[in-house]
Amino acid sequence: MTDATNTSGTEQAVRLTGPNTPIDWPSLVDDLNRLLRLRTTPIGMKMFSTAEEMEAIPKIRRPKDIHTTDQIVGMASRLNWTVGITNDDLVGAQCGAVLGLHPRDDDWLSGSRMKGVWFETIEDSAAHQEAMHTVPFGLYQAMAVSPLATARLDPPDICLIYATPAQMILLINGLQWSGYKNFEWGCVGESACADSWGRALKLREPSVSIPCFAERRYGGVQDDELLMATPPEFLPKAIAGLEALSRNGLRYPIPNYGVQNDARAGLGVSYG
């Protein structure tokens, strides 16, 4: 692709916000790939108060053309690029508002551009807009994404992991191994980035979404991929849980036992 320029800088060490334990990002990504055999690069996303802070990230690329946020995320997760944007780089208010780069003003809240496209009435469109998780406006002017293993974001605000349903349920199971929590997520439908990075940035919780039409059309998300967006401090916990599950024989890929076989032998290995 030829729609981004490259600017070099000094490498930064990654520090973890929240818990005091630093994260070794290359080792963490190696663990995720070993345990889940991910097909898509795990990436980080970070918000910046100013564009100048974003542009100081090592090897940052800046778009020359207008894009959706889905495309920017795809450049990191599909092409292994480090890319930074401001609201001026985005195609419309829908993308910018999720990141808090554009206000949830009356025009945005009306959902008028979605009426007759995704929703039957203006009332349906407005209800959809109201349901979306978005970062509060006015805190940030820029955003960057980068493969986690590069350790260029210091640290990322959230991590994004694309996975098949089988990989995703095991990742969730890893989070639930210790300190169990029943995860409950919604689905706004189109603009599903509000369910993933919007929700994770706003609520600071692991958030799983079914990527929407736009994410698949413009962001390169595959038919069989789901997306988890999570603050980084949850990933060591998930990996520890995946390691424990693996020791119990509960690992990826999940072998098919056979729909006609006597289940007692298989279940007996786990449950006695």
C-alpha atoms as a PDB file:
ATOM      1  CA  MET A   1       0.000   0.000   0.000  1.00  0.00           C
ATOM      2  CA  THR A   2       1.146   3.575  -0.620  1.00  0.00           C
ATOM      3  CA  ASP A   3      -1.206   5.610   1.563  1.00  0.00           C
ATOM      4  CA  ALA A   4       1.032   6.144   4.606  1.00  0.00           C
ATOM      5  CA  THR A   5       4.377   7.761   5.315  1.00  0.00           C
ATOM      6  CA  ASN A   6       6.952   6.497   7.795  1.00  0.00           C
ATOM      7  CA  THR A   7       8.682   8.555  10.510  1.00  0.00           C
ATOM      8  CA  SER A   8      11.460   7.068  12.659  1.00  0.00           C
ATOM      9  CA  GLY A   9      12.132   7.708  16.347  1.00  0.00           C
ATOM     10  CA  THR A  10      13.752   6.279  19.453  1.00  0.00           C
ATOM     11  CA  GLU A  11      12.479   2.932  20.782  1.00  0.00           C
ATOM     12  CA  GLN A  12      10.650   3.129  24.118  1.00  0.00           C
ATOM     13  CA  ALA A  13      10.418   0.579  26.940  1.00  0.00           C
ATOM     14  CA  VAL A  14       6.902  -0.609  27.673  1.00  0.00           C
ATOM     15  CA  ARG A  15       5.481  -0.017  31.149  1.00  0.00           C
ATOM     16  CA  LEU A  16       2.175  -1.256  32.428  1.00  0.00           C
ATOM     17  CA  THR A  17      -0.399   1.196  33.773  1.00  0.00           C
ATOM     18  CA  GLY A  18      -2.597  -0.043  36.592  1.00  0.00           C
ATOM     19  CA  PRO A  19      -0.880  -3.044  38.244  1.00  0.00           C
ATOM     20  CA  ASN A  20       2.817  -2.503  38.894  1.00  0.00           C
ATOM     21  CA  THR A  21       4.079  -5.557  37.013  1.00  0.00           C
ATOM     22  CA  PRO A  22       5.775  -4.691  33.689  1.00  0.00           C
ATOM     23  CA  ILE A  23       4.771  -6.675  30.615  1.00  0.00           C
ATOM     24  CA  ASP A  24       7.298  -8.268  28.292  1.00  0.00           C
ATOM     25  CA  TRP A  25       5.301  -7.699  25.114  1.00  0.00           C
ATOM     26  CA  PRO A  26       7.226 -10.015  22.746  1.00  0.00           C
ATOM     27  CA  SER A  27       6.974 -12.870  25.268  1.00  0.00           C
ATOM     28  CA  LEU A  28       3.269 -12.184  25.848  1.00  0.00           C
ATOM     29  CA  VAL A  29       2.564 -12.349  22.119  1.00  0.00           C
ATOM     30  CA  ASP A  30       4.612 -15.548  21.860  1.00  0.00           C
ATOM     31  CA  ASP A  31       2.494 -17.062  24.631  1.00  0.00           C
ATOM     32  CA  LEU A  32      -0.764 -16.050  22.933  1.00  0.00           C
ATOM     33  CA  ASN A  33       0.377 -17.531  19.627  1.00  0.00           C
ATOM     34  CA  ARG A  34       1.636 -20.716  21.284  1.00  0.00           C
ATOM     35  CA  LEU A  35      -1.565 -21.263  23.248  1.00  0.00           C
ATOM     36  CA  LEU A  36      -4.118 -20.098  20.671  1.00  0.00           C
ATOM     37  CA  ARG A  37      -2.304 -20.260  17.292  1.00  0.00           C
ATOM     38  CA  LEU A  38      -3.638 -16.834  16.330  1.00  0.00           C
ATOM     39  CA  ARG A  39      -3.706 -16.001  12.621  1.00  0.00           C
ATOM     40  CA  THR A  40      -3.825 -12.220  13.040  1.00  0.00           C
ATOM     41  CA  THR A  41      -1.306  -9.955  14.770  1.00  0.00           C
ATOM     42  CA  PRO A  42      -2.304  -8.877  18.309  1.00  0.00           C
ATOM     43  CA  ILE A  43      -2.131  -5.100  18.459  1.00  0.00           C
ATOM     44  CA  GLY A  44      -2.319  -2.236  20.910  1.00  0.00           C
ATOM     45  CA  MET A  45      -4.280   1.018  20.724  1.00  0.00           C
ATOM     46  CA  LYS A  46      -3.340   4.179  22.577  1.00  0.00           C
ATOM     47  CA  MET A  47      -5.029   7.564  22.864  1.00  0.00           C
ATOM     48  CA  PHE A  48      -3.020  10.811  22.959  1.00  0.00           C
ATOM     49  CA  SER A  49      -3.807  14.268  24.295  1.00  0.00           C
ATOM     50  CA  THR A  50      -2.046  15.890  21.337  1.00  0.00           C
ATOM     51  CA  ALA A  51      -1.099  14.928  17.806  1.00  0.00           C
ATOM     52  CA  GLU A  52       2.527  15.770  18.614  1.00  0.00           C
ATOM     53  CA  GLU A  53       2.640  13.067  21.299  1.00  0.00           C
ATOM     54  CA  MET A  54       1.266  10.537  18.839  1.00  0.00           C
ATOM     55  CA  GLU A  55       3.739  11.567  16.134  1.00  0.00           C
ATOM     56  CA  ALA A  56       6.655  10.974  18.546  1.00  0.00           C
ATOM     57  CA  ILE A  57       5.964   7.216  18.582  1.00  0.00           C
ATOM     58  CA  PRO A  58       8.835   5.302  16.916  1.00  0.00           C
ATOM     59  CA  LYS A  59       8.300   4.452  13.243  1.00  0.00           C
ATOM     60  CA  ILE A  60       4.801   5.966  13.225  1.00  0.00           C
ATOM     61  CA  ARG A  61       3.024   6.151   9.872  1.00  0.00           C
ATOM     62  CA  ARG A  62       0.558   8.923   9.094  1.00  0.00           C
ATOM     63  CA  PRO A  63      -2.186   8.413   6.489  1.00  0.00           C
ATOM     64  CA  LYS A  64      -2.104  10.370   3.261  1.00  0.00           C
ATOM     65  CA  ASP A  65      -5.721   9.464   2.447  1.00  0.00           C
ATOM     66  CA  ILE A  66      -9.023   9.424   4.321  1.00  0.00           C
ATOM     67  CA  HIS A  67      -9.851   6.157   6.071  1.00  0.00           C
ATOM     68  CA  THR A  68     -12.222   4.457   8.475  1.00  0.00           C
ATOM     69  CA  THR A  69     -10.860   3.525  11.893  1.00  0.00           C
ATOM     70  CA  ASP A  70     -11.416  -0.093  10.804  1.00  0.00           C
ATOM     71  CA  GLN A  71      -8.811   0.422   8.083  1.00  0.00           C
ATOM     72  CA  ILE A  72      -6.334   1.974  10.529  1.00  0.00           C
ATOM     73  CA  VAL A  73      -6.760  -0.964  12.902  1.00  0.00           C
ATOM     74  CA  GLY A  74      -6.398  -3.308   9.930  1.00  0.00           C
ATOM     75  CA  MET A  75      -3.099  -1.704   8.936  1.00  0.00           C
ATOM     76  CA  ALA A  76      -1.687  -2.721  12.318  1.00  0.00           C
ATOM     77  CA  SER A  77      -3.314  -6.149  12.641  1.00  0.00           C
ATOM     78  CA  ARG A  78      -3.007  -7.220   8.981  1.00  0.00           C
ATOM     79  CA  LEU A  79       0.108  -5.356   7.774  1.00  0.00           C
ATOM     80  CA  ASN A  80       2.061  -5.038  11.057  1.00  0.00           C
ATOM     81  CA  TRP A  81       2.260  -1.251  10.716  1.00  0.00           C
ATOM     82  CA  THR A  82       2.374   1.381  13.472  1.00  0.00           C
ATOM     83  CA  VAL A  83      -0.154   4.033  12.416  1.00  0.00           C
ATOM     84  CA  GLY A  84      -1.408   7.231  14.027  1.00  0.00           C
ATOM     85  CA  ILE A  85      -4.448   9.345  13.214  1.00  0.00           C
ATOM     86  CA  THR A  86      -6.381  12.431  14.218  1.00  0.00           C
ATOM     87  CA  ASN A  87     -10.046  13.049  13.477  1.00  0.00           C
ATOM     88  CA  ASP A  88      -9.062  14.800  10.238  1.00  0.00           C
ATOM     89  CA  ASP A  89      -7.820  11.453   8.887  1.00  0.00           C
ATOM     90  CA  LEU A  90     -11.192   9.743   9.401  1.00  0.00           C
ATOM     91  CA  VAL A  91     -13.987   9.515   6.873  1.00  0.00           C
ATOM     92  CA  GLY A  92     -16.777  10.662   9.155  1.00  0.00           C
ATOM     93  CA  ALA A  93     -18.074  11.460  12.612  1.00  0.00           C
ATOM     94  CA  GLN A  94     -19.088   7.855  13.335  1.00  0.00           C
ATOM     95  CA  CYS A  95     -15.469   6.695  13.567  1.00  0.00           C
ATOM     96  CA  GLY A  96     -14.252   9.763  15.412  1.00  0.00           C
ATOM     97  CA  ALA A  97     -16.992   9.739  18.047  1.00  0.00           C
ATOM     98  CA  VAL A  98     -16.214   6.182  19.174  1.00  0.00           C
ATOM     99  CA  LEU A  99     -12.651   7.306  20.004  1.00  0.00           C
ATOM    100  CA  GLY A 100     -13.755  10.595  21.554  1.00  0.00           C
ATOM    101  CA  LEU A 101     -12.203  12.564  18.693  1.00  0.00           C
ATOM    102  CA  HIS A 102     -15.595  13.923  17.558  1.00  0.00           C
ATOM    103  CA  PRO A 103     -18.437  15.101  19.817  1.00  0.00           C
ATOM    104  CA  ARG A 104     -21.674  13.211  20.277  1.00  0.00           C
ATOM    105  CA  ASP A 105     -23.510  16.292  19.009  1.00  0.00           C
ATOM    106  CA  ASP A 106     -27.172  16.500  18.006  1.00  0.00           C
ATOM    107  CA  ASP A 107     -26.460  15.573  14.399  1.00  0.00           C
ATOM    108  CA  TRP A 108     -24.445  12.503  15.453  1.00  0.00           C
ATOM    109  CA  LEU A 109     -27.014  11.431  18.037  1.00  0.00           C
ATOM    110  CA  SER A 110     -29.839  11.677  15.497  1.00  0.00           C
ATOM    111  CA  GLY A 111     -28.325   8.864  13.430  1.00  0.00           C
ATOM    112  CA  SER A 112     -29.792  10.552  10.342  1.00  0.00           C
ATOM    113  CA  ARG A 113     -27.180   9.080   7.995  1.00  0.00           C
ATOM    114  CA  MET A 114     -28.168   5.561   9.050  1.00  0.00           C
ATOM    115  CA  LYS A 115     -31.898   5.970   8.539  1.00  0.00           C
ATOM    116  CA  GLY A 116     -32.998   3.834   5.611  1.00  0.00           C
ATOM    117  CA  VAL A 117     -29.531   2.238   5.402  1.00  0.00           C
ATOM    118  CA  TRP A 118     -29.214   0.229   8.621  1.00  0.00           C
ATOM    119  CA  PHE A 119     -32.438   1.175  10.404  1.00  0.00           C
ATOM    120  CA  GLU A 120     -36.019   1.690   9.319  1.00  0.00           C
ATOM    121  CA  THR A 121     -36.822   4.902  11.183  1.00  0.00           C
ATOM    122  CA  ILE A 122     -35.006   7.922  12.592  1.00  0.00           C
ATOM    123  CA  GLU A 123     -36.078   6.724  16.036  1.00  0.00           C
ATOM    124  CA  ASP A 124     -34.319   3.379  15.448  1.00  0.00           C
ATOM    125  CA  SER A 125     -31.229   5.194  14.235  1.00  0.00           C
ATOM    126  CA  ALA A 126     -31.134   7.490  17.251  1.00  0.00           C
ATOM    127  CA  ALA A 127     -31.587   4.562  19.627  1.00  0.00           C
ATOM    128  CA  HIS A 128     -28.599   2.856  18.010  1.00  0.00           C
ATOM    129  CA  GLN A 129     -26.401   5.934  18.425  1.00  0.00           C
ATOM    130  CA  GLU A 130     -27.403   6.307  22.057  1.00  0.00           C
ATOM    131  CA  ALA A 131     -26.542   2.651  22.744  1.00  0.00           C
ATOM    132  CA  MET A 132     -22.946   2.950  21.511  1.00  0.00           C
ATOM    133  CA  HIS A 133     -20.022   2.965  23.949  1.00  0.00           C
ATOM    134  CA  THR A 134     -17.809   5.953  23.138  1.00  0.00           C
ATOM    135  CA  VAL A 135     -14.815   7.684  24.721  1.00  0.00           C
ATOM    136  CA  PRO A 136     -15.771  11.058  26.254  1.00  0.00           C
ATOM    137  CA  PHE A 137     -15.068  13.927  23.864  1.00  0.00           C
ATOM    138  CA  GLY A 138     -12.377  16.468  24.599  1.00  0.00           C
ATOM    139  CA  LEU A 139      -9.796  14.276  26.324  1.00  0.00           C
ATOM    140  CA  TYR A 140      -7.793  13.272  23.258  1.00  0.00           C
ATOM    141  CA  GLN A 141      -6.738  14.596  19.863  1.00  0.00           C
ATOM    142  CA  ALA A 142      -5.054  11.512  18.388  1.00  0.00           C
ATOM    143  CA  MET A 143      -4.833   7.717  18.422  1.00  0.00           C
ATOM    144  CA  ALA A 144      -2.197   5.170  17.408  1.00  0.00           C
ATOM    145  CA  VAL A 145      -2.208   1.421  16.821  1.00  0.00           C
ATOM    146  CA  SER A 146       0.795  -0.893  16.668  1.00  0.00           C
ATOM    147  CA  PRO A 147       1.616  -4.608  16.900  1.00  0.00           C
ATOM    148  CA  LEU A 148       2.058  -5.481  20.582  1.00  0.00           C
ATOM    149  CA  ALA A 149       5.365  -7.255  19.970  1.00  0.00           C
ATOM    150  CA  THR A 150       7.022  -4.022  18.792  1.00  0.00           C
ATOM    151  CA  ALA A 151       6.545  -2.437  22.246  1.00  0.00           C
ATOM    152  CA  ARG A 152       6.185   0.999  20.609  1.00  0.00           C
ATOM    153  CA  LEU A 153       3.165   2.061  22.666  1.00  0.00           C
ATOM    154  CA  ASP A 154       4.209   2.775  26.208  1.00  0.00           C
ATOM    155  CA  PRO A 155       1.929   1.029  27.174  1.00  0.00           C
ATOM    156  CA  PRO A 156      -1.202   0.634  25.009  1.00  0.00           C
ATOM    157  CA  ASP A 157      -4.472   1.707  26.569  1.00  0.00           C
ATOM    158  CA  ILE A 158      -6.069  -1.472  25.221  1.00  0.00           C
ATOM    159  CA  CYS A 159      -5.012  -4.586  23.328  1.00  0.00           C
ATOM    160  CA  LEU A 160      -6.966  -5.989  20.363  1.00  0.00           C
ATOM    161  CA  ILE A 161      -6.997  -9.712  19.614  1.00  0.00           C
ATOM    162  CA  TYR A 162      -8.784 -11.198  16.614  1.00  0.00           C
ATOM    163  CA  ALA A 163      -9.649 -14.866  17.027  1.00  0.00           C
ATOM    164  CA  THR A 164     -11.943 -17.584  15.739  1.00  0.00           C
ATOM    165  CA  PRO A 165     -14.883 -18.529  18.000  1.00  0.00           C
ATOM    166  CA  ALA A 166     -12.988 -21.592  19.287  1.00  0.00           C
ATOM    167  CA  GLN A 167      -9.905 -19.517  20.106  1.00  0.00           C
ATOM    168  CA  MET A 168     -12.034 -16.775  21.636  1.00  0.00           C
ATOM    169  CA  ILE A 169     -13.960 -19.011  24.036  1.00  0.00           C
ATOM    170  CA  LEU A 170     -10.691 -20.460  25.326  1.00  0.00           C
ATOM    171  CA  LEU A 171      -9.309 -16.929  25.790  1.00  0.00           C
ATOM    172  CA  ILE A 172     -12.448 -16.088  27.778  1.00  0.00           C
ATOM    173  CA  ASN A 173     -12.095 -19.347  29.736  1.00  0.00           C
ATOM    174  CA  GLY A 174      -8.527 -18.286  30.568  1.00  0.00           C
ATOM    175  CA  LEU A 175      -9.813 -15.017  32.023  1.00  0.00           C
ATOM    176  CA  GLN A 176     -12.364 -16.960  34.077  1.00  0.00           C
ATOM    177  CA  TRP A 177      -9.934 -19.566  35.478  1.00  0.00           C
ATOM    178  CA  SER A 178      -9.196 -17.493  38.581  1.00  0.00           C
ATOM    179  CA  GLY A 179     -11.497 -14.874  40.093  1.00  0.00           C
ATOM    180  CA  TYR A 180     -14.460 -16.025  38.015  1.00  0.00           C
ATOM    181  CA  LYS A 181     -16.687 -13.414  36.423  1.00  0.00           C
ATOM    182  CA  ASN A 182     -19.737 -13.877  34.212  1.00  0.00           C
ATOM    183  CA  PHE A 183     -19.013 -11.681  31.199  1.00  0.00           C
ATOM    184  CA  GLU A 184     -21.983  -9.902  29.673  1.00  0.00           C
ATOM    185  CA  TRP A 185     -21.604  -7.999  26.409  1.00  0.00           C
ATOM    186  CA  GLY A 186     -24.064  -6.294  24.117  1.00  0.00           C
ATOM    187  CA  CYS A 187     -24.302  -5.994  20.367  1.00  0.00           C
ATOM    188  CA  VAL A 188     -25.127  -2.638  18.791  1.00  0.00           C
ATOM    189  CA  GLY A 189     -25.020  -4.218  15.321  1.00  0.00           C
ATOM    190  CA  GLU A 190     -23.404  -1.916  12.791  1.00  0.00           C
ATOM    191  CA  SER A 191     -20.636   0.235  14.334  1.00  0.00           C
ATOM    192  CA  ALA A 192     -19.592  -2.788  16.400  1.00  0.00           C
ATOM    193  CA  CYS A 193     -16.273  -1.042  17.147  1.00  0.00           C
ATOM    194  CA  ALA A 194     -18.303   0.555  19.949  1.00  0.00           C
ATOM    195  CA  ASP A 195     -18.678  -2.944  21.434  1.00  0.00           C
ATOM    196  CA  SER A 196     -14.930  -3.631  21.262  1.00  0.00           C
ATOM    197  CA  TRP A 197     -12.468  -0.746  21.431  1.00  0.00           C
ATOM    198  CA  GLY A 198     -15.120   1.822  22.374  1.00  0.00           C
ATOM    199  CA  ARG A 199     -16.330  -0.234  25.339  1.00  0.00           C
ATOM    200  CA  ALA A 200     -12.862  -1.300  26.477  1.00  0.00           C
ATOM    201  CA  LEU A 201     -11.522   2.260  26.355  1.00  0.00           C
ATOM    202  CA  LYS A 202     -14.550   3.635  28.190  1.00  0.00           C
ATOM    203  CA  LEU A 203     -15.166   0.937  30.824  1.00  0.00           C
ATOM    204  CA  ARG A 204     -11.632  -0.523  31.160  1.00  0.00           C
ATOM    205  CA  GLU A 205     -13.011  -4.058  30.848  1.00  0.00           C
ATOM    206  CA  PRO A 206     -12.411  -6.958  28.448  1.00  0.00           C
ATOM    207  CA  SER A 207     -14.958  -6.532  25.654  1.00  0.00           C
ATOM    208  CA  VAL A 208     -15.831  -9.029  22.913  1.00  0.00           C
ATOM    209  CA  SER A 209     -17.635  -8.084  19.715  1.00  0.00           C
ATOM    210  CA  ILE A 210     -18.913  -9.620  16.506  1.00  0.00           C
ATOM    211  CA  PRO A 211     -17.154  -7.343  13.992  1.00  0.00           C
ATOM    212  CA  CYS A 212     -19.674  -5.560  11.803  1.00  0.00           C
ATOM    213  CA  PHE A 213     -20.078  -5.158   8.032  1.00  0.00           C
ATOM    214  CA  ALA A 214     -17.799  -2.110   7.930  1.00  0.00           C
ATOM    215  CA  GLU A 215     -15.022  -3.827   9.897  1.00  0.00           C
ATOM    216  CA  ARG A 216     -15.090  -6.740   7.471  1.00  0.00           C
ATOM    217  CA  ARG A 217     -15.478  -4.646   4.308  1.00  0.00           C
ATOM    218  CA  TYR A 218     -12.922  -1.959   5.170  1.00  0.00           C
ATOM    219  CA  GLY A 219     -10.818  -3.434   7.973  1.00  0.00           C
ATOM    220  CA  GLY A 220     -10.046  -6.824   6.449  1.00  0.00           C
ATOM    221  CA  VAL A 221     -11.699  -8.780   9.277  1.00  0.00           C
ATOM    222  CA  GLN A 222     -12.356 -12.343   8.154  1.00  0.00           C
ATOM    223  CA  ASP A 223     -15.711 -14.141   8.173  1.00  0.00           C
ATOM    224  CA  ASP A 224     -14.783 -16.363  11.115  1.00  0.00           C
ATOM    225  CA  GLU A 225     -13.123 -13.748  13.340  1.00  0.00           C
ATOM    226  CA  LEU A 226     -14.355 -12.248  16.593  1.00  0.00           C
ATOM    227  CA  LEU A 227     -12.575  -9.393  18.396  1.00  0.00           C
ATOM    228  CA  MET A 228     -11.557  -8.962  22.017  1.00  0.00           C
ATOM    229  CA  ALA A 229     -10.452  -5.516  23.166  1.00  0.00           C
ATOM    230  CA  THR A 230      -9.050  -5.434  26.674  1.00  0.00           C
ATOM    231  CA  PRO A 231      -6.911  -3.288  28.954  1.00  0.00           C
ATOM    232  CA  PRO A 232      -3.423  -4.829  28.947  1.00  0.00           C
ATOM    233  CA  GLU A 233      -3.401  -5.885  32.599  1.00  0.00           C
ATOM    234  CA  PHE A 234      -5.962  -8.614  31.853  1.00  0.00           C
ATOM    235  CA  LEU A 235      -3.725 -10.470  29.395  1.00  0.00           C
ATOM    236  CA  PRO A 236      -1.215 -12.000  31.846  1.00  0.00           C
ATOM    237  CA  LYS A 237      -4.195 -13.312  33.812  1.00  0.00           C
ATOM    238  CA  ALA A 238      -5.714 -14.794  30.646  1.00  0.00           C
ATOM    239  CA  ILE A 239      -2.422 -16.458  29.701  1.00  0.00           C
ATOM    240  CA  ALA A 240      -2.016 -17.943  33.182  1.00  0.00           C
ATOM    241  CA  GLY A 241      -5.528 -19.341  32.869  1.00  0.00           C
ATOM    242  CA  LEU A 242      -4.834 -20.743  29.397  1.00  0.00           C
ATOM    243  CA  GLU A 243      -1.703 -22.457  30.736  1.00  0.00           C
ATOM    244  CA  ALA A 244      -3.731 -24.072  33.526  1.00  0.00           C
ATOM    245  CA  LEU A 245      -6.424 -25.216  31.108  1.00  0.00           C
ATOM    246  CA  SER A 246      -3.768 -26.636  28.785  1.00  0.00           C
ATOM    247  CA  ARG A 247      -2.325 -28.713  31.636  1.00  0.00           C
ATOM    248  CA  ASN A 248      -5.836 -30.112  32.086  1.00  0.00           C
ATOM    249  CA  GLY A 249      -5.956 -31.120  28.424  1.00  0.00           C
ATOM    250  CA  LEU A 250      -8.273 -28.237  27.505  1.00  0.00           C
ATOM    251  CA  ARG A 251      -6.335 -26.553  24.716  1.00  0.00           C
ATOM    252  CA  TYR A 252      -6.475 -25.273  21.151  1.00  0.00           C
ATOM    253  CA  PRO A 253      -7.058 -26.734  18.626  1.00  0.00           C
ATOM    254  CA  ILE A 254     -10.053 -28.493  20.139  1.00  0.00           C
ATOM    255  CA  PRO A 255     -10.134 -32.047  18.743  1.00  0.00           C
ATOM    256  CA  ASN A 256     -13.471 -33.352  17.510  1.00  0.00           C
ATOM    257  CA  TYR A 257     -14.498 -36.332  19.648  1.00  0.00           C
ATOM    258  CA  GLY A 258     -17.168 -37.567  17.248  1.00  0.00           C
ATOM    259  CA  VAL A 259     -20.906 -37.096  17.474  1.00  0.00           C
ATOM    260  CA  GLN A 260     -21.647 -40.838  17.723  1.00  0.00           C
ATOM    261  CA  ASN A 261     -18.968 -41.978  20.176  1.00  0.00           C
ATOM    262  CA  ASP A 262     -19.625 -42.920  23.806  1.00  0.00           C
ATOM    263  CA  ALA A 263     -18.871 -39.676  25.642  1.00  0.00           C
ATOM    264  CA  ARG A 264     -17.943 -41.276  28.975  1.00  0.00           C
ATOM    265  CA  ALA A 265     -14.330 -42.043  28.058  1.00  0.00           C
ATOM    266  CA  GLY A 266     -13.657 -38.492  26.891  1.00  0.00           C
ATOM    267  CA  LEU A 267     -15.424 -36.785  29.775  1.00  0.00           C
ATOM    268  CA  GLY A 268     -13.854 -39.164  32.264  1.00  0.00           C
ATOM    269  CA  VAL A 269     -10.404 -37.769  31.498  1.00  0.00           C
ATOM    270  CA  SER A 270     -11.485 -34.361  32.818  1.00  0.00           C
ATOM    271  CA  TYR A 271     -14.145 -35.170  35.397  1.00  0.00           C
ATOM    272  CA  GLY A 272     -13.312 -38.681  36.635  1.00  0.00           C
END
